[in-house]
Every structure is written in C-alpha cells, then in structure tokens.
N, C-alpha and C. Protein backbone atom coordinates (compact mmCIF):
# COMPACT_ATOMS: atom_id res chain seq x y z
N MET A 1 100.11 -53.94 299.51
CA MET A 1 99.06 -53.90 298.50
C MET A 1 98.27 -55.21 298.51
N LYS A 2 96.94 -55.11 298.51
CA LYS A 2 96.10 -56.30 298.51
C LYS A 2 96.30 -57.09 297.21
N LYS A 3 96.16 -58.44 297.32
CA LYS A 3 96.40 -59.30 296.17
C LYS A 3 95.46 -59.01 295.01
N GLU A 4 94.19 -58.70 295.34
CA GLU A 4 93.23 -58.47 294.25
C GLU A 4 93.57 -57.18 293.50
N ILE A 5 94.09 -56.17 294.22
CA ILE A 5 94.49 -54.93 293.56
C ILE A 5 95.71 -55.17 292.68
N GLU A 6 96.66 -55.93 293.18
CA GLU A 6 97.85 -56.25 292.40
C GLU A 6 97.49 -57.03 291.14
N TRP A 7 96.53 -57.96 291.26
CA TRP A 7 96.11 -58.74 290.09
C TRP A 7 95.45 -57.83 289.05
N LYS A 8 94.55 -56.96 289.49
CA LYS A 8 93.89 -56.04 288.56
C LYS A 8 94.91 -55.12 287.89
N TYR A 9 95.86 -54.65 288.67
CA TYR A 9 96.91 -53.77 288.12
C TYR A 9 97.69 -54.48 287.01
N ASN A 10 98.04 -55.74 287.23
CA ASN A 10 98.81 -56.49 286.24
C ASN A 10 97.99 -56.76 284.98
N VAL A 11 96.68 -57.02 285.13
CA VAL A 11 95.81 -57.21 283.97
C VAL A 11 95.74 -55.92 283.16
N ILE A 12 95.56 -54.80 283.85
CA ILE A 12 95.50 -53.50 283.18
C ILE A 12 96.80 -53.22 282.44
N LYS A 13 97.92 -53.42 283.12
CA LYS A 13 99.23 -53.14 282.55
C LYS A 13 99.46 -53.94 281.26
N SER A 14 99.07 -55.21 281.26
CA SER A 14 99.29 -56.06 280.09
C SER A 14 98.32 -55.76 278.95
N SER A 15 97.18 -55.14 279.26
CA SER A 15 96.16 -54.89 278.24
C SER A 15 96.27 -53.53 277.58
N LEU A 16 96.82 -52.54 278.31
CA LEU A 16 96.75 -51.16 277.83
C LEU A 16 97.59 -50.90 276.59
N ARG A 17 98.69 -51.60 276.44
CA ARG A 17 99.54 -51.36 275.26
C ARG A 17 98.77 -51.64 273.98
N ASP A 18 98.05 -52.78 273.93
CA ASP A 18 97.27 -53.13 272.73
C ASP A 18 96.14 -52.13 272.52
N ILE A 19 95.50 -51.72 273.62
CA ILE A 19 94.39 -50.77 273.51
C ILE A 19 94.88 -49.43 272.97
N LYS A 20 95.98 -48.91 273.52
CA LYS A 20 96.51 -47.62 273.06
C LYS A 20 96.98 -47.70 271.61
N THR A 21 97.57 -48.84 271.22
CA THR A 21 98.00 -49.02 269.83
C THR A 21 96.80 -48.99 268.89
N SER A 22 95.72 -49.65 269.30
CA SER A 22 94.50 -49.67 268.47
C SER A 22 93.90 -48.28 268.34
N ILE A 23 93.95 -47.49 269.42
CA ILE A 23 93.45 -46.11 269.36
C ILE A 23 94.29 -45.29 268.39
N ILE A 24 95.61 -45.37 268.51
CA ILE A 24 96.51 -44.58 267.67
C ILE A 24 96.34 -44.92 266.19
N PHE A 25 96.14 -46.20 265.86
CA PHE A 25 96.03 -46.62 264.46
C PHE A 25 94.59 -46.60 263.94
N GLY A 26 93.67 -46.06 264.75
CA GLY A 26 92.30 -45.86 264.28
C GLY A 26 91.51 -47.13 264.10
N ASN A 27 91.78 -48.14 264.92
CA ASN A 27 91.06 -49.41 264.80
C ASN A 27 89.68 -49.38 265.43
N TYR A 28 89.37 -48.31 266.15
CA TYR A 28 88.06 -48.17 266.80
C TYR A 28 87.24 -47.10 266.11
N ASP A 29 85.92 -47.27 266.14
CA ASP A 29 85.01 -46.21 265.74
C ASP A 29 84.78 -45.35 266.98
N MET A 30 85.47 -44.22 267.05
CA MET A 30 85.50 -43.42 268.28
C MET A 30 84.80 -42.08 268.08
N LYS A 31 83.93 -41.73 269.03
CA LYS A 31 83.22 -40.45 268.99
C LYS A 31 83.30 -39.80 270.37
N ILE A 32 83.13 -38.48 270.38
CA ILE A 32 83.14 -37.72 271.63
C ILE A 32 81.80 -37.02 271.77
N ASP A 33 81.11 -37.29 272.88
CA ASP A 33 79.84 -36.63 273.15
C ASP A 33 80.07 -35.16 273.52
N PRO A 34 79.06 -34.31 273.34
CA PRO A 34 79.20 -32.90 273.73
C PRO A 34 79.41 -32.76 275.24
N PHE A 35 80.15 -31.75 275.62
CA PHE A 35 80.36 -31.43 277.03
C PHE A 35 79.27 -30.45 277.45
N THR A 36 78.35 -30.91 278.28
CA THR A 36 77.17 -30.10 278.62
C THR A 36 77.11 -29.63 280.06
N ASP A 37 77.99 -30.14 280.91
CA ASP A 37 77.93 -29.79 282.34
C ASP A 37 78.64 -28.46 282.56
N ARG A 38 77.92 -27.36 282.24
CA ARG A 38 78.53 -26.04 282.25
C ARG A 38 78.14 -25.20 283.46
N GLY A 39 77.46 -25.76 284.43
CA GLY A 39 77.00 -24.94 285.55
C GLY A 39 75.65 -24.34 285.23
N GLY A 40 75.38 -23.17 285.79
CA GLY A 40 74.09 -22.53 285.61
C GLY A 40 73.27 -22.61 286.88
N GLY A 41 72.22 -21.81 286.96
CA GLY A 41 71.43 -21.76 288.18
C GLY A 41 72.07 -20.81 289.19
N LEU A 42 71.33 -20.45 290.19
CA LEU A 42 71.76 -19.44 291.16
C LEU A 42 73.04 -19.82 291.86
N PHE A 43 73.20 -21.12 292.20
CA PHE A 43 74.33 -21.55 293.02
C PHE A 43 75.48 -22.14 292.19
N ARG A 44 75.35 -22.12 290.87
CA ARG A 44 76.36 -22.75 290.02
C ARG A 44 77.03 -21.76 289.08
N ARG A 45 76.78 -20.48 289.26
CA ARG A 45 77.29 -19.51 288.31
C ARG A 45 78.81 -19.45 288.31
N LYS A 46 79.42 -19.54 289.49
CA LYS A 46 80.88 -19.47 289.55
C LYS A 46 81.51 -20.65 288.82
N LYS A 47 80.89 -21.81 288.96
CA LYS A 47 81.37 -23.00 288.24
C LYS A 47 81.37 -22.74 286.73
N GLY A 48 80.26 -22.23 286.21
CA GLY A 48 80.16 -21.96 284.78
C GLY A 48 81.15 -20.91 284.32
N LYS A 49 81.35 -19.86 285.11
CA LYS A 49 82.29 -18.81 284.75
C LYS A 49 83.73 -19.34 284.75
N MET A 50 84.04 -20.21 285.71
CA MET A 50 85.38 -20.76 285.78
C MET A 50 85.66 -21.67 284.57
N ILE A 51 84.67 -22.49 284.20
CA ILE A 51 84.80 -23.34 283.01
C ILE A 51 85.02 -22.48 281.78
N GLN A 52 84.25 -21.40 281.64
CA GLN A 52 84.37 -20.55 280.47
C GLN A 52 85.74 -19.87 280.40
N SER A 53 86.25 -19.43 281.55
CA SER A 53 87.57 -18.78 281.53
C SER A 53 88.66 -19.77 281.15
N LEU A 54 88.51 -21.04 281.57
CA LEU A 54 89.47 -22.07 281.18
C LEU A 54 89.39 -22.35 279.68
N ILE A 55 88.17 -22.41 279.15
CA ILE A 55 87.99 -22.61 277.71
C ILE A 55 88.63 -21.46 276.94
N ASP A 56 88.41 -20.23 277.40
CA ASP A 56 88.97 -19.05 276.72
C ASP A 56 90.50 -19.06 276.73
N LEU A 57 91.10 -19.66 277.75
CA LEU A 57 92.55 -19.74 277.84
C LEU A 57 93.12 -20.96 277.10
N GLY A 58 92.25 -21.73 276.47
CA GLY A 58 92.71 -22.88 275.70
C GLY A 58 93.00 -24.11 276.53
N ALA A 59 92.42 -24.19 277.74
CA ALA A 59 92.65 -25.35 278.60
C ALA A 59 92.04 -26.60 277.98
N VAL A 60 92.62 -27.74 278.31
CA VAL A 60 92.18 -29.03 277.76
C VAL A 60 91.53 -29.84 278.88
N LEU A 61 90.30 -30.27 278.65
CA LEU A 61 89.59 -31.11 279.62
C LEU A 61 90.20 -32.50 279.64
N THR A 62 90.48 -33.02 280.83
CA THR A 62 91.04 -34.36 280.95
C THR A 62 90.38 -35.07 282.13
N GLY A 63 90.97 -36.17 282.59
CA GLY A 63 90.43 -36.88 283.74
C GLY A 63 89.16 -37.65 283.43
N SER A 64 88.42 -37.98 284.49
CA SER A 64 87.25 -38.83 284.35
C SER A 64 86.11 -38.16 283.59
N THR A 65 85.99 -36.84 283.71
CA THR A 65 84.94 -36.14 282.97
C THR A 65 85.19 -36.26 281.47
N ALA A 66 86.44 -36.07 281.05
CA ALA A 66 86.77 -36.22 279.63
C ALA A 66 86.59 -37.67 279.19
N LEU A 67 87.02 -38.61 280.02
CA LEU A 67 86.87 -40.03 279.70
C LEU A 67 85.41 -40.39 279.46
N GLY A 68 84.52 -39.82 280.27
CA GLY A 68 83.09 -40.11 280.15
C GLY A 68 82.46 -39.60 278.86
N LEU A 69 83.14 -38.70 278.15
CA LEU A 69 82.61 -38.20 276.88
C LEU A 69 82.90 -39.13 275.72
N TYR A 70 83.87 -40.01 275.88
CA TYR A 70 84.29 -40.88 274.77
C TYR A 70 83.38 -42.09 274.64
N LYS A 71 83.08 -42.43 273.39
CA LYS A 71 82.39 -43.67 273.07
C LYS A 71 83.19 -44.41 272.00
N VAL A 72 83.42 -45.69 272.25
CA VAL A 72 84.15 -46.53 271.31
C VAL A 72 83.19 -47.57 270.77
N ASN A 73 83.01 -47.58 269.46
CA ASN A 73 82.02 -48.47 268.82
C ASN A 73 80.65 -48.33 269.48
N GLY A 74 80.29 -47.08 269.80
CA GLY A 74 78.99 -46.78 270.39
C GLY A 74 78.87 -47.05 271.87
N MET A 75 79.95 -47.44 272.52
CA MET A 75 79.90 -47.84 273.93
C MET A 75 80.68 -46.86 274.79
N SER A 76 80.05 -46.41 275.87
CA SER A 76 80.73 -45.54 276.82
C SER A 76 81.81 -46.32 277.57
N LEU A 77 82.94 -45.65 277.83
CA LEU A 77 84.04 -46.32 278.52
C LEU A 77 84.07 -46.01 280.02
N SER A 78 83.09 -45.29 280.52
CA SER A 78 83.10 -44.94 281.93
C SER A 78 81.70 -45.08 282.52
N ARG A 79 81.63 -45.76 283.66
CA ARG A 79 80.37 -45.88 284.39
C ARG A 79 80.31 -44.91 285.56
N ARG A 80 81.44 -44.32 285.89
CA ARG A 80 81.54 -43.51 287.10
C ARG A 80 81.11 -42.08 286.81
N VAL A 81 80.29 -41.53 287.70
CA VAL A 81 79.89 -40.13 287.60
C VAL A 81 80.97 -39.30 288.29
N SER A 82 81.64 -38.46 287.52
CA SER A 82 82.72 -37.66 288.08
C SER A 82 82.16 -36.49 288.86
N ASN A 83 82.79 -36.18 290.00
CA ASN A 83 82.34 -35.06 290.82
C ASN A 83 83.34 -33.91 290.79
N ASP A 84 84.22 -33.91 289.80
CA ASP A 84 85.19 -32.83 289.69
C ASP A 84 85.60 -32.65 288.24
N PHE A 85 86.38 -31.61 288.00
CA PHE A 85 86.87 -31.31 286.66
C PHE A 85 88.38 -31.20 286.69
N ASP A 86 89.03 -31.80 285.72
CA ASP A 86 90.48 -31.69 285.56
C ASP A 86 90.77 -30.99 284.24
N PHE A 87 91.54 -29.91 284.31
CA PHE A 87 91.93 -29.18 283.12
C PHE A 87 93.45 -29.04 283.09
N VAL A 88 94.03 -29.15 281.90
CA VAL A 88 95.47 -28.97 281.70
C VAL A 88 95.66 -27.79 280.75
N LEU A 89 96.64 -26.94 281.06
CA LEU A 89 96.97 -25.83 280.18
C LEU A 89 98.44 -25.48 280.32
N THR A 90 98.91 -24.66 279.42
CA THR A 90 100.32 -24.27 279.48
C THR A 90 100.58 -23.48 280.75
N LYS A 91 101.83 -23.43 281.17
CA LYS A 91 102.16 -22.71 282.40
C LYS A 91 101.86 -21.21 282.28
N ASP A 92 102.10 -20.64 281.10
CA ASP A 92 101.80 -19.22 280.91
C ASP A 92 100.32 -18.95 281.14
N HIS A 93 99.47 -19.81 280.59
CA HIS A 93 98.03 -19.62 280.75
C HIS A 93 97.58 -20.01 282.15
N PHE A 94 98.29 -20.94 282.78
CA PHE A 94 98.02 -21.27 284.19
C PHE A 94 98.22 -20.03 285.06
N ILE A 95 99.29 -19.28 284.82
CA ILE A 95 99.56 -18.06 285.57
C ILE A 95 98.45 -17.03 285.33
N LYS A 96 98.01 -16.89 284.07
CA LYS A 96 96.92 -15.97 283.76
C LYS A 96 95.64 -16.37 284.49
N PHE A 97 95.35 -17.69 284.52
CA PHE A 97 94.14 -18.18 285.20
C PHE A 97 94.19 -17.83 286.69
N CYS A 98 95.36 -18.02 287.31
CA CYS A 98 95.50 -17.67 288.73
C CYS A 98 95.28 -16.17 288.94
N GLY A 99 95.73 -15.36 287.99
CA GLY A 99 95.52 -13.92 288.10
C GLY A 99 94.06 -13.53 287.96
N ILE A 100 93.35 -14.18 287.04
CA ILE A 100 91.92 -13.89 286.83
C ILE A 100 91.12 -14.17 288.09
N TRP A 101 91.43 -15.28 288.77
CA TRP A 101 90.64 -15.72 289.92
C TRP A 101 91.33 -15.45 291.26
N ASN A 102 92.42 -14.71 291.23
CA ASN A 102 93.14 -14.34 292.46
C ASN A 102 93.48 -15.57 293.29
N LEU A 103 94.12 -16.55 292.67
CA LEU A 103 94.45 -17.82 293.31
C LEU A 103 95.91 -17.85 293.73
N HIS A 104 96.17 -18.39 294.92
CA HIS A 104 97.52 -18.37 295.47
C HIS A 104 98.04 -19.74 295.88
N ASN A 105 97.17 -20.68 296.16
CA ASN A 105 97.57 -21.95 296.75
C ASN A 105 98.08 -22.94 295.70
N VAL A 106 99.16 -22.55 295.03
CA VAL A 106 99.73 -23.35 293.95
C VAL A 106 100.67 -24.40 294.54
N LYS A 107 100.59 -25.62 294.02
CA LYS A 107 101.48 -26.70 294.46
C LYS A 107 102.36 -27.14 293.30
N SER A 108 103.59 -27.48 293.63
CA SER A 108 104.53 -27.96 292.61
C SER A 108 104.60 -29.47 292.67
N GLY A 109 104.35 -30.12 291.52
CA GLY A 109 104.37 -31.57 291.47
C GLY A 109 105.63 -32.07 290.79
N SER A 110 105.62 -33.34 290.44
CA SER A 110 106.76 -33.95 289.76
C SER A 110 106.77 -33.54 288.29
N ASP A 111 107.91 -33.75 287.64
CA ASP A 111 108.05 -33.51 286.20
C ASP A 111 107.70 -32.08 285.79
N ASN A 112 108.08 -31.11 286.65
CA ASN A 112 107.94 -29.70 286.31
C ASN A 112 106.48 -29.32 286.05
N VAL A 113 105.58 -29.83 286.88
CA VAL A 113 104.15 -29.56 286.76
C VAL A 113 103.68 -28.76 287.98
N VAL A 114 102.79 -27.80 287.75
CA VAL A 114 102.18 -27.06 288.85
C VAL A 114 100.68 -27.30 288.84
N THR A 115 100.07 -27.33 290.02
CA THR A 115 98.64 -27.60 290.12
C THR A 115 97.99 -26.68 291.14
N ILE A 116 96.70 -26.53 291.02
CA ILE A 116 95.92 -25.84 292.04
C ILE A 116 94.54 -26.48 292.11
N ASN A 117 94.04 -26.64 293.33
CA ASN A 117 92.72 -27.24 293.55
C ASN A 117 91.77 -26.15 294.02
N ILE A 118 90.60 -26.08 293.40
CA ILE A 118 89.61 -25.04 293.73
C ILE A 118 88.27 -25.68 293.96
N ASN A 119 87.51 -25.19 294.92
CA ASN A 119 86.12 -25.57 295.09
C ASN A 119 85.27 -24.32 294.92
N THR A 120 84.34 -24.36 293.96
CA THR A 120 83.55 -23.16 293.63
C THR A 120 82.33 -22.99 294.51
N GLY A 121 82.11 -23.91 295.46
CA GLY A 121 80.96 -23.79 296.35
C GLY A 121 81.17 -22.77 297.46
N LYS A 122 80.16 -22.59 298.26
CA LYS A 122 80.24 -21.67 299.41
C LYS A 122 80.81 -22.43 300.60
N TYR A 123 81.92 -21.96 301.13
CA TYR A 123 82.60 -22.65 302.24
C TYR A 123 81.75 -22.58 303.51
N ARG A 124 81.57 -23.71 304.18
CA ARG A 124 80.71 -23.81 305.35
C ARG A 124 81.45 -23.59 306.67
N GLY A 125 82.76 -23.46 306.60
CA GLY A 125 83.52 -23.23 307.82
C GLY A 125 83.77 -24.51 308.60
N THR A 126 83.98 -24.38 309.89
CA THR A 126 84.26 -25.53 310.75
C THR A 126 83.17 -25.69 311.81
N ASP A 127 83.04 -26.91 312.32
CA ASP A 127 82.06 -27.15 313.38
C ASP A 127 82.67 -26.79 314.73
N SER A 128 81.93 -27.08 315.82
CA SER A 128 82.37 -26.69 317.16
C SER A 128 83.63 -27.43 317.60
N TYR A 129 83.96 -28.52 316.89
CA TYR A 129 85.17 -29.28 317.21
C TYR A 129 86.35 -28.87 316.33
N GLY A 130 86.12 -27.94 315.43
CA GLY A 130 87.19 -27.47 314.55
C GLY A 130 87.35 -28.26 313.27
N TYR A 131 86.41 -29.17 312.97
CA TYR A 131 86.51 -29.97 311.76
C TYR A 131 85.93 -29.24 310.56
N ASP A 132 86.56 -29.40 309.42
CA ASP A 132 86.13 -28.77 308.18
C ASP A 132 84.75 -29.31 307.79
N MET A 133 83.81 -28.41 307.49
CA MET A 133 82.45 -28.81 307.13
C MET A 133 82.22 -28.83 305.62
N GLY A 134 83.27 -28.52 304.84
CA GLY A 134 83.14 -28.60 303.40
C GLY A 134 82.43 -27.41 302.79
N HIS A 135 81.80 -27.62 301.63
CA HIS A 135 81.17 -26.55 300.85
C HIS A 135 79.72 -26.89 300.51
N TRP A 136 78.90 -25.84 300.45
CA TRP A 136 77.57 -25.97 299.87
C TRP A 136 77.70 -25.86 298.35
N PHE A 137 76.98 -26.70 297.62
CA PHE A 137 76.92 -26.63 296.15
C PHE A 137 78.32 -26.62 295.54
N GLY A 138 79.20 -27.43 296.12
CA GLY A 138 80.59 -27.40 295.71
C GLY A 138 80.86 -28.14 294.41
N CYS A 139 81.88 -27.68 293.72
CA CYS A 139 82.40 -28.37 292.54
C CYS A 139 83.92 -28.21 292.56
N ASN A 140 84.63 -29.32 292.51
CA ASN A 140 86.09 -29.27 292.58
C ASN A 140 86.71 -29.14 291.20
N PHE A 141 87.73 -28.31 291.12
CA PHE A 141 88.53 -28.16 289.91
C PHE A 141 89.98 -28.48 290.26
N ASP A 142 90.61 -29.33 289.46
CA ASP A 142 92.06 -29.49 289.51
C ASP A 142 92.61 -28.92 288.22
N VAL A 143 93.36 -27.85 288.34
CA VAL A 143 93.92 -27.18 287.17
C VAL A 143 95.42 -27.40 287.16
N ILE A 144 95.93 -27.90 286.05
CA ILE A 144 97.33 -28.33 285.94
C ILE A 144 98.04 -27.48 284.89
N GLY A 145 99.19 -26.94 285.27
CA GLY A 145 100.02 -26.20 284.32
C GLY A 145 101.26 -27.01 283.97
N THR A 146 101.55 -27.10 282.70
CA THR A 146 102.68 -27.93 282.26
C THR A 146 103.37 -27.33 281.04
N ASP A 147 104.64 -27.65 280.87
CA ASP A 147 105.37 -27.27 279.66
C ASP A 147 105.35 -28.39 278.63
N ASP A 148 104.83 -29.56 279.01
CA ASP A 148 104.77 -30.70 278.09
C ASP A 148 103.73 -30.47 277.00
N GLU A 149 103.94 -31.10 275.86
CA GLU A 149 102.96 -31.02 274.77
C GLU A 149 101.68 -31.71 275.19
N ILE A 150 100.55 -31.07 274.90
CA ILE A 150 99.23 -31.61 275.26
C ILE A 150 98.52 -32.03 273.97
N HIS A 151 98.09 -33.28 273.91
CA HIS A 151 97.43 -33.80 272.72
C HIS A 151 95.92 -33.78 272.95
N TRP A 152 95.19 -33.12 272.06
CA TRP A 152 93.77 -32.91 272.28
C TRP A 152 92.99 -32.92 270.97
N THR A 153 91.67 -33.04 271.12
CA THR A 153 90.74 -32.98 269.99
C THR A 153 89.72 -31.89 270.28
N GLN A 154 89.44 -31.05 269.28
CA GLN A 154 88.43 -30.01 269.46
C GLN A 154 87.05 -30.63 269.44
N ASN A 155 86.24 -30.32 270.45
CA ASN A 155 84.88 -30.86 270.57
C ASN A 155 83.94 -29.68 270.80
N ASP A 156 83.31 -29.19 269.75
CA ASP A 156 82.56 -27.92 269.80
C ASP A 156 83.52 -26.82 270.26
N ASP A 157 83.22 -26.14 271.38
CA ASP A 157 84.07 -25.02 271.78
C ASP A 157 85.14 -25.42 272.80
N ILE A 158 85.24 -26.71 273.14
CA ILE A 158 86.16 -27.14 274.19
C ILE A 158 87.15 -28.16 273.66
N LYS A 159 88.36 -28.09 274.16
CA LYS A 159 89.38 -29.07 273.81
C LYS A 159 89.33 -30.23 274.80
N VAL A 160 89.32 -31.46 274.27
CA VAL A 160 89.27 -32.66 275.10
C VAL A 160 90.55 -33.46 274.85
N MET A 161 91.21 -33.86 275.91
CA MET A 161 92.45 -34.62 275.76
C MET A 161 92.20 -35.91 274.99
N ASN A 162 93.13 -36.27 274.11
CA ASN A 162 93.00 -37.51 273.35
C ASN A 162 92.90 -38.71 274.29
N LEU A 163 92.13 -39.72 273.86
CA LEU A 163 91.84 -40.86 274.73
C LEU A 163 93.11 -41.59 275.16
N ASP A 164 94.04 -41.80 274.24
CA ASP A 164 95.26 -42.50 274.63
C ASP A 164 96.06 -41.71 275.66
N SER A 165 95.99 -40.37 275.60
CA SER A 165 96.68 -39.54 276.59
C SER A 165 95.99 -39.61 277.94
N ILE A 166 94.65 -39.65 277.96
CA ILE A 166 93.91 -39.79 279.22
C ILE A 166 94.28 -41.11 279.89
N ILE A 167 94.32 -42.18 279.09
CA ILE A 167 94.66 -43.49 279.64
C ILE A 167 96.08 -43.46 280.22
N GLY A 168 97.02 -42.86 279.49
CA GLY A 168 98.39 -42.78 279.99
C GLY A 168 98.49 -41.94 281.25
N TYR A 169 97.74 -40.84 281.29
CA TYR A 169 97.70 -39.95 282.47
C TYR A 169 97.18 -40.70 283.69
N LYS A 170 96.09 -41.45 283.52
CA LYS A 170 95.52 -42.20 284.64
C LYS A 170 96.43 -43.35 285.06
N TYR A 171 97.07 -43.98 284.09
CA TYR A 171 97.98 -45.08 284.43
C TYR A 171 99.17 -44.58 285.26
N ASN A 172 99.70 -43.43 284.89
CA ASN A 172 100.83 -42.87 285.65
C ASN A 172 100.41 -42.49 287.06
N LEU A 173 99.21 -41.90 287.21
CA LEU A 173 98.73 -41.55 288.55
C LEU A 173 98.49 -42.80 289.39
N MET A 174 97.91 -43.83 288.77
CA MET A 174 97.68 -45.09 289.48
C MET A 174 99.01 -45.69 289.94
N SER A 175 100.00 -45.68 289.07
CA SER A 175 101.30 -46.27 289.41
C SER A 175 101.99 -45.49 290.52
N ASP A 176 101.83 -44.14 290.51
CA ASP A 176 102.48 -43.30 291.52
C ASP A 176 101.97 -43.62 292.93
N PHE A 177 100.66 -43.93 293.03
CA PHE A 177 100.05 -44.13 294.34
C PHE A 177 99.85 -45.61 294.69
N LEU A 178 100.38 -46.48 293.86
CA LEU A 178 100.07 -47.90 293.99
C LEU A 178 100.43 -48.47 295.36
N HIS A 179 101.55 -48.05 295.91
CA HIS A 179 102.03 -48.63 297.16
C HIS A 179 101.81 -47.70 298.36
N SER A 180 100.97 -46.68 298.19
CA SER A 180 100.70 -45.76 299.29
C SER A 180 99.43 -46.18 300.03
N THR A 181 99.30 -45.73 301.28
CA THR A 181 98.08 -46.01 302.04
C THR A 181 96.89 -45.30 301.43
N ARG A 182 97.14 -44.18 300.78
CA ARG A 182 96.06 -43.44 300.13
C ARG A 182 95.38 -44.28 299.05
N PHE A 183 96.17 -45.11 298.35
CA PHE A 183 95.63 -45.90 297.23
C PHE A 183 94.56 -46.87 297.70
N GLU A 184 94.70 -47.41 298.92
CA GLU A 184 93.71 -48.36 299.44
C GLU A 184 92.34 -47.69 299.58
N LYS A 185 92.33 -46.38 299.86
CA LYS A 185 91.08 -45.66 300.08
C LYS A 185 90.55 -45.00 298.82
N ASP A 186 91.46 -44.62 297.94
CA ASP A 186 91.05 -43.86 296.76
C ASP A 186 91.77 -44.42 295.54
N ASN A 187 91.16 -45.42 294.91
CA ASN A 187 91.78 -46.03 293.73
C ASN A 187 90.92 -45.83 292.49
N LYS A 188 90.40 -44.59 292.34
CA LYS A 188 89.49 -44.31 291.23
C LYS A 188 90.16 -44.49 289.87
N HIS A 189 91.46 -44.23 289.79
CA HIS A 189 92.14 -44.38 288.50
C HIS A 189 92.24 -45.85 288.11
N LEU A 190 92.50 -46.71 289.09
CA LEU A 190 92.48 -48.15 288.82
C LEU A 190 91.09 -48.59 288.39
N ASP A 191 90.05 -48.08 289.05
CA ASP A 191 88.67 -48.44 288.68
C ASP A 191 88.34 -48.00 287.26
N ASP A 192 88.76 -46.78 286.90
CA ASP A 192 88.50 -46.28 285.54
C ASP A 192 89.19 -47.15 284.49
N LEU A 193 90.45 -47.47 284.73
CA LEU A 193 91.20 -48.27 283.76
C LEU A 193 90.68 -49.70 283.69
N TRP A 194 90.27 -50.24 284.83
CA TRP A 194 89.67 -51.58 284.86
C TRP A 194 88.38 -51.60 284.04
N THR A 195 87.59 -50.55 284.15
CA THR A 195 86.35 -50.46 283.38
C THR A 195 86.65 -50.43 281.88
N ILE A 196 87.65 -49.66 281.47
CA ILE A 196 88.03 -49.60 280.05
C ILE A 196 88.42 -50.98 279.54
N VAL A 197 89.32 -51.65 280.27
CA VAL A 197 89.81 -52.96 279.84
C VAL A 197 88.69 -53.99 279.77
N THR A 198 87.85 -54.04 280.80
CA THR A 198 86.80 -55.07 280.84
C THR A 198 85.68 -54.79 279.86
N ARG A 199 85.34 -53.53 279.66
CA ARG A 199 84.27 -53.22 278.71
C ARG A 199 84.69 -53.54 277.28
N LEU A 200 85.92 -53.21 276.94
CA LEU A 200 86.40 -53.54 275.60
C LEU A 200 86.49 -55.05 275.43
N SER A 201 86.91 -55.75 276.48
CA SER A 201 87.02 -57.21 276.40
C SER A 201 85.65 -57.87 276.28
N THR A 202 84.68 -57.39 277.05
CA THR A 202 83.34 -57.97 277.04
C THR A 202 82.69 -57.84 275.67
N ASN A 203 82.99 -56.73 275.00
CA ASN A 203 82.37 -56.49 273.69
C ASN A 203 83.23 -56.98 272.53
N GLY A 204 84.25 -57.78 272.85
CA GLY A 204 85.06 -58.39 271.81
C GLY A 204 85.91 -57.43 271.05
N ILE A 205 86.27 -56.31 271.68
CA ILE A 205 87.08 -55.30 271.00
C ILE A 205 88.54 -55.48 271.36
C-alpha cells in the first residue's frame, strides 16, 4: 500500500468516530435532497422501470448516489458524480426482484449477503479480438440482499440509507480492499470518505 493512501486511511479512521457520533446525536443540520435521477427518454426506460420496481419492493438507496443527496449545514458531502446505483433490500425481496427481472447471476458475499450486478444498457457484444465492448446507454445497478437490519430515512417515495450507515458501509468496503491490487486502481470509497472528513474540517464542523 502506498504511503499516501495509508496516511489518508489513518486520518479517516481517526476522524469518523467523532463524525458518526455527531450525526447520531443530531449535532448537524442535516437535509436530504430529492432523488431525481429516475431515467426516462427512449434509451433510459429500463433504468426507470428497474428503479421503480426496487422502490415498490422497499429497497433502500445507498452508496455514492445516496451520499450525494445529503447536505450537512447546507453543504454537500460528495463531489463525485456517481455512475451507478446501489440498493439494499431484504433477502425475500431480493428473490422477488430477481424473479421480476429474470436474473440469475447472483453472487454470495461475506456476512450472509447476496448481490447481483445489472447493466440496463444495450450490450454491444465483443470486438474482433474477443474483448467486451460494454453497453450503449448503460447504467449499473448493484442490488444487495441481506438479513441485517437496514437503517433508512423516507425521502419522498424512496428510502435512503441513514448517513452514518452509508459511512460505515463505505468504511468496511474500503478496509476489505485496502491491501488488494484492486484498491490501487479503484479507491472510490476512500475518496468519498476523504471528501467527507476534509469538507467537514474545512467548514469548522
């Protein structure tokens, strides 16, 4: 692990306990912006339908998209534009969701969690060398099924994971991949947490 990454990790680790305590005890003026990225248009209909089916099943929005909705003392805690959606729901409803969309590629994770990754775009196939060409108008969904209690706040018609839970979720993911080669290339969770810590510090919070 590079020294600068290790240093940032240690700063985050030492700061998050106070931040989460302040959130729990209501020391911040916290608001949640409306969730408006619902799809639409000729090439985005499947995205919108998938979001609606997740809402109907009581799924909870989490990850960077949920983080971007939060404002603390009028300040956004995320500068990063998320290119995917993370939803958490009970395992029973996860099974129903897979049935609605005829999904089979389920993966089993740690701590009795199941996940599935979906791209709602049109698959482009492979090139002449056999390499994956990705999707047109793609949108990635990571849908997580769990038996653990999910803490959320109702925001209009959608449930959004509580901020302290999002922070804990991202911290655990960051810690899991901290010493892997993948972390060197994809450390978005460290970046998100670093932004939270530095923005609150800069504004004297």
